C-alpha atoms as a PDB file:
ATOM      1  CA  MET A   1       3.866  18.059   6.681  1.00  0.00           C
ATOM      2  CA  ASP A   2       5.572  15.495   7.539  1.00  0.00           C
ATOM      3  CA  ILE A   3       2.774  13.089   8.360  1.00  0.00           C
ATOM      4  CA  VAL A   4       1.382  14.526   4.796  1.00  0.00           C
ATOM      5  CA  LEU A   5       3.715  13.025   2.699  1.00  0.00           C
ATOM      6  CA  ALA A   6       3.827   9.351   5.337  1.00  0.00           C
ATOM      7  CA  ILE A   7       0.223   8.749   4.616  1.00  0.00           C
ATOM      8  CA  GLY A   8       0.836   9.654   0.918  1.00  0.00           C
ATOM      9  CA  ALA A   9       3.935   7.396   0.943  1.00  0.00           C
ATOM     10  CA  ILE A  10       1.395   4.705   2.734  1.00  0.00           C
ATOM     11  CA  TRP A  11      -1.242   4.902   0.266  1.00  0.00           C
ATOM     12  CA  VAL A  12       0.581   4.819  -2.292  1.00  0.00           C
ATOM     13  CA  CYS A  13       2.165   1.925  -0.142  1.00  0.00           C
ATOM     14  CA  LEU A  14      -1.914   0.200  -0.218  1.00  0.00           C
ATOM     15  CA  MET A  15      -2.762   0.905  -3.669  1.00  0.00           C
ATOM     16  CA  ALA A  16       0.406  -1.003  -5.239  1.00  0.00           C
ATOM     17  CA  MET A  17       0.202  -3.993  -3.178  1.00  0.00           C
ATOM     18  CA  ALA A  18      -3.379  -4.059  -3.748  1.00  0.00           C
ATOM     19  CA  VAL A  19      -3.242  -3.721  -7.123  1.00  0.00           C
ATOM     20  CA  PHE A  20      -0.312  -6.270  -7.559  1.00  0.00           C
ATOM     21  CA  THR A  21      -2.188  -8.923  -5.332  1.00  0.00           C
ATOM     22  CA  GLN A  22      -5.346  -8.644  -8.030  1.00  0.00           C
ATOM     23  CA  THR A  23      -2.787  -8.249 -11.478  1.00  0.00           C
ATOM     24  CA  ARG A  24       0.153  -9.724  -9.904  1.00  0.00           C
ATOM     25  CA  SER A  25       2.050  -7.307 -11.905  1.00  0.00           C
ATOM     26  CA  TYR A  26       5.361  -7.041 -10.391  1.00  0.00           C
ATOM     27  CA  GLY A  27       6.002  -3.478 -11.088  1.00  0.00           C
ATOM     28  CA  TYR A  28       3.083  -2.536  -8.936  1.00  0.00           C
ATOM     29  CA  LEU A  29       4.940  -4.538  -5.787  1.00  0.00           C
ATOM     30  CA  MET A  30       8.462  -2.700  -6.621  1.00  0.00           C
ATOM     31  CA  ILE A  31       6.266  -0.167  -5.750  1.00  0.00           C
ATOM     32  CA  SER A  32       4.520  -1.070  -2.968  1.00  0.00           C
ATOM     33  CA  LEU A  33       8.400  -2.480  -1.351  1.00  0.00           C
ATOM     34  CA  GLY A  34       9.925   0.842  -2.248  1.00  0.00           C
ATOM     35  CA  ALA A  35       7.450   2.744   0.161  1.00  0.00           C
ATOM     36  CA  ALA A  36       7.674   0.658   2.328  1.00  0.00           C
ATOM     37  CA  LEU A  37      11.332   0.605   2.623  1.00  0.00           C
ATOM     38  CA  THR A  38      11.480   3.989   1.955  1.00  0.00           C
ATOM     39  CA  LEU A  39       9.129   5.210   5.123  1.00  0.00           C
ATOM     40  CA  SER A  40      11.070   2.101   6.777  1.00  0.00           C
ATOM     41  CA  THR A  41      14.217   4.552   7.327  1.00  0.00           C
ATOM     42  CA  PHE A  42      11.873   6.066  10.080  1.00  0.00           C
ATOM     43  CA  SER A  43      12.890   3.570  12.684  1.00  0.00           C
ATOM     44  CA  LEU A  44      16.078   2.844  10.882  1.00  0.00           C
ATOM     45  CA  MET A  45      17.836   6.245  12.480  1.00  0.00           C
ATOM     46  CA  ASP A  46      20.224   4.907  15.219  1.00  0.00           C
ATOM     47  CA  SER A  47      21.772   4.165  12.431  1.00  0.00           C
ATOM     48  CA  ARG A  48      23.091   5.984   9.740  1.00  0.00           C
ATOM     49  CA  HIS A  49      24.501   3.532   6.856  1.00  0.00           C
ATOM     50  CA  VAL A  50      21.458   0.922   7.384  1.00  0.00           C
ATOM     51  CA  ALA A  51      18.834   4.014   6.898  1.00  0.00           C
ATOM     52  CA  GLU A  52      21.145   5.401   3.863  1.00  0.00           C
ATOM     53  CA  LEU A  53      21.145   1.445   2.462  1.00  0.00           C
ATOM     54  CA  ALA A  54      16.982   1.115   3.188  1.00  0.00           C
ATOM     55  CA  LEU A  55      16.686   4.553   1.417  1.00  0.00           C
ATOM     56  CA  ILE A  56      18.130   3.861  -1.969  1.00  0.00           C
ATOM     57  CA  ALA A  57      16.996   0.589  -2.278  1.00  0.00           C
ATOM     58  CA  GLY A  58      13.731   2.248  -1.666  1.00  0.00           C
ATOM     59  CA  ARG A  59      13.850   4.513  -4.390  1.00  0.00           C
ATOM     60  CA  VAL A  60      15.488   2.251  -6.375  1.00  0.00           C
ATOM     61  CA  LEU A  61      13.108  -0.256  -6.106  1.00  0.00           C
ATOM     62  CA  PHE A  62      10.102   2.546  -6.158  1.00  0.00           C
ATOM     63  CA  TRP A  63      11.334   3.740  -9.542  1.00  0.00           C
ATOM     64  CA  GLY A  64      11.865   0.613 -11.187  1.00  0.00           C
ATOM     65  CA  GLY A  65       8.438  -0.219 -10.211  1.00  0.00           C
ATOM     66  CA  LEU A  66       6.965   2.757 -11.812  1.00  0.00           C
ATOM     67  CA  ALA A  67       9.823   1.880 -14.875  1.00  0.00           C
ATOM     68  CA  VAL A  68       8.419  -1.508 -15.376  1.00  0.00           C
ATOM     69  CA  THR A  69       4.863  -0.616 -14.821  1.00  0.00           C
ATOM     70  CA  ALA A  70       5.199   2.438 -17.560  1.00  0.00           C
ATOM     71  CA  THR A  71       6.634  -0.400 -20.056  1.00  0.00           C
ATOM     72  CA  PHE A  72       5.931  -3.706 -19.854  1.00  0.00           C
ATOM     73  CA  GLY A  73       2.754  -3.062 -17.980  1.00  0.00           C
ATOM     74  CA  SER A  74       1.435   0.467 -19.684  1.00  0.00           C
ATOM     75  CA  LYS A  75      -1.190  -1.885 -21.463  1.00  0.00           C
ATOM     76  CA  LEU A  76      -3.163  -2.983 -18.654  1.00  0.00           C
ATOM     77  CA  GLU A  77      -2.372   0.089 -16.982  1.00  0.00           C
ATOM     78  CA  LYS A  78      -4.145   1.694 -20.212  1.00  0.00           C
ATOM     79  CA  GLU A  79      -7.319  -0.195 -19.824  1.00  0.00           C
ATOM     80  CA  ARG A  80      -7.710  -0.036 -15.809  1.00  0.00           C
ATOM     81  CA  LEU A  81      -7.263   3.402 -16.101  1.00  0.00           C
ATOM     82  CA  ARG A  82      -9.728   4.057 -19.054  1.00  0.00           C
ATOM     83  CA  THR A  83     -12.141   1.681 -17.408  1.00  0.00           C
ATOM     84  CA  SER A  84     -11.939   2.051 -13.823  1.00  0.00           C
ATOM     85  CA  SER A  85     -14.185   5.325 -11.884  1.00  0.00           C
ATOM     86  CA  TRP A  86     -12.324   6.958  -9.992  1.00  0.00           C
ATOM     87  CA  LYS A  87     -13.346   5.044  -6.259  1.00  0.00           C
ATOM     88  CA  GLU A  88     -11.654   1.889  -7.569  1.00  0.00           C
ATOM     89  CA  ILE A  89      -8.792   3.711  -9.179  1.00  0.00           C
ATOM     90  CA  PHE A  90      -8.290   5.918  -5.396  1.00  0.00           C
ATOM     91  CA  LEU A  91      -8.573   2.201  -3.489  1.00  0.00           C
ATOM     92  CA  GLY A  92      -6.170   0.418  -6.517  1.00  0.00           C
ATOM     93  CA  LYS A  93      -9.618  -1.747  -7.192  1.00  0.00           C
ATOM     94  CA  VAL A  94      -9.240  -3.567 -10.437  1.00  0.00           C
ATOM     95  CA  PRO A  95     -12.054  -4.595 -12.655  1.00  0.00           C
ATOM     96  CA  GLY A  96     -12.606  -8.248 -12.816  1.00  0.00           C
ATOM     97  CA  ARG A  97     -11.242  -8.823 -16.190  1.00  0.00           C
ATOM     98  CA  LEU A  98      -8.289  -7.390 -15.491  1.00  0.00           C
ATOM     99  CA  GLN A  99      -7.894  -9.715 -13.143  1.00  0.00           C
ATOM    100  CA  THR A 100      -5.008 -12.082 -13.288  1.00  0.00           C
ATOM    101  CA  GLN A 101      -6.461 -13.812 -10.060  1.00  0.00           C
ATOM    102  CA  LYS A 102      -9.855 -12.549  -8.146  1.00  0.00           C
ATOM    103  CA  VAL A 103      -9.419 -11.356  -4.862  1.00  0.00           C
ATOM    104  CA  SER A 104     -12.162 -10.766  -2.626  1.00  0.00           C
ATOM    105  CA  GLU A 105     -12.200  -7.080  -1.212  1.00  0.00           C
ATOM    106  CA  GLU A 106     -12.273  -8.857   2.744  1.00  0.00           C
ATOM    107  CA  VAL A 107      -8.401 -10.240   1.763  1.00  0.00           C
ATOM    108  CA  LEU A 108      -7.939  -6.718   0.486  1.00  0.00           C
ATOM    109  CA  LEU A 109      -9.014  -5.081   3.750  1.00  0.00           C
ATOM    110  CA  VAL A 110      -6.947  -7.345   5.553  1.00  0.00           C
ATOM    111  CA  GLN A 111      -4.100  -7.016   3.963  1.00  0.00           C
ATOM    112  CA  SER A 112      -4.383  -3.178   4.374  1.00  0.00           C
ATOM    113  CA  THR A 113      -5.604  -3.468   8.214  1.00  0.00           C
ATOM    114  CA  ILE A 114      -1.942  -5.252   8.086  1.00  0.00           C
ATOM    115  CA  ILE A 115      -0.469  -2.759   6.540  1.00  0.00           C
ATOM    116  CA  SER A 116      -1.468   0.139   8.467  1.00  0.00           C
ATOM    117  CA  LEU A 117      -0.310  -1.438  11.227  1.00  0.00           C
ATOM    118  CA  LEU A 118       2.795  -2.843  10.503  1.00  0.00           C
ATOM    119  CA  PHE A 119       3.462   1.484   9.973  1.00  0.00           C
ATOM    120  CA  ALA A 120       2.308   2.223  13.290  1.00  0.00           C
ATOM    121  CA  VAL A 121       4.791  -0.326  14.577  1.00  0.00           C
ATOM    122  CA  ILE A 122       7.277   1.592  12.653  1.00  0.00           C
ATOM    123  CA  PHE A 123       6.633   4.569  13.111  1.00  0.00           C
ATOM    124  CA  TYR A 124       5.923   4.120  17.570  1.00  0.00           C
ATOM    125  CA  GLY A 125       9.434   2.096  17.384  1.00  0.00           C
ATOM    126  CA  ALA A 126      11.223   5.250  16.008  1.00  0.00           C
ATOM    127  CA  ASP A 127       9.660   6.853  18.382  1.00  0.00           C
ATOM    128  CA  ARG A 128       7.102   8.952  15.849  1.00  0.00           C
ATOM    129  CA  LYS A 129       4.057   8.762  17.822  1.00  0.00           C
ATOM    130  CA  HIS A 130       1.795  11.262  15.671  1.00  0.00           C
ATOM    131  CA  GLU A 131       2.784   9.277  12.976  1.00  0.00           C
ATOM    132  CA  ALA A 132       2.200   5.721  14.325  1.00  0.00           C
ATOM    133  CA  LEU A 133      -1.358   7.602  16.018  1.00  0.00           C
ATOM    134  CA  SER A 134      -2.298   7.875  13.161  1.00  0.00           C
ATOM    135  CA  PHE A 135      -1.401   4.842  11.000  1.00  0.00           C
ATOM    136  CA  LEU A 136      -3.046   2.752  14.183  1.00  0.00           C
ATOM    137  CA  VAL A 137      -6.432   4.796  13.672  1.00  0.00           C
ATOM    138  CA  ILE A 138      -5.912   3.414   9.798  1.00  0.00           C
ATOM    139  CA  GLY A 139      -5.853   0.185  10.643  1.00  0.00           C
ATOM    140  CA  VAL A 140      -8.310   0.628  12.982  1.00  0.00           C
ATOM    141  CA  VAL A 141     -11.137   1.871  10.490  1.00  0.00           C
ATOM    142  CA  PHE A 142     -10.374  -0.852   7.943  1.00  0.00           C
ATOM    143  CA  LEU A 143     -10.756  -3.308  11.154  1.00  0.00           C
ATOM    144  CA  VAL A 144     -13.809  -1.835  11.933  1.00  0.00           C
ATOM    145  CA  TYR A 145     -15.403  -2.092   8.199  1.00  0.00           C
ATOM    146  CA  LEU A 146     -13.463  -5.653   7.722  1.00  0.00           C
ATOM    147  CA  VAL A 147     -15.906  -6.418  11.166  1.00  0.00           C
ATOM    148  CA  TRP A 148     -18.964  -4.517  10.117  1.00  0.00           C
ATOM    149  CA  ARG A 149     -19.461  -6.076   6.741  1.00  0.00           C
ATOM    150  CA  ARG A 150     -18.522  -9.724   8.197  1.00  0.00           C
ATOM    151  CA  LEU A 151     -21.852  -8.694  10.845  1.00  0.00           C
ATOM    152  CA  LYS A 152     -24.392  -7.332   7.410  1.00  0.00           C
ATOM    153  CA  GLN A 153     -23.201 -10.971   6.013  1.00  0.00           C
ATOM    154  CA  ALA A 154     -24.130 -12.937   8.849  1.00  0.00           C
ATOM    155  CA  GLU A 155     -27.369 -11.515   9.002  1.00  0.00           C
ATOM    156  CA  SER A 156     -27.691 -11.928   5.329  1.00  0.00           C
END
């Protein structure tokens, strides 16, 4: 069950970072950083006080980000949810007319790959090899898809 929660939290982190990159909504940045800090506590277990501090900071950022998004970004979020497909919502893709900054899918793939590999390193450092392997696989899948897209574009 631990690994399912970790993968779910990483998905929240990736999705929120993707939406932040496209909209510059700081609520989503706070959500992403909160999820990342909360998950990084696994690597900080050697020092109880530092782990507790990271966990508290992660929770404050995560819930604060949700509050900011629900209040200041509610109009954008309602419109994004209304006009996006389930796939776009699941992947954190914002419709073009709602984007304040145009970001290619390749940039989002590179970000996702880096974040996944970063968490693989964090979990490996915390001696949680199953989770590290899961995030390594996710990162490799993103990387293979990115290379496949590049090769496909080169053929055209």
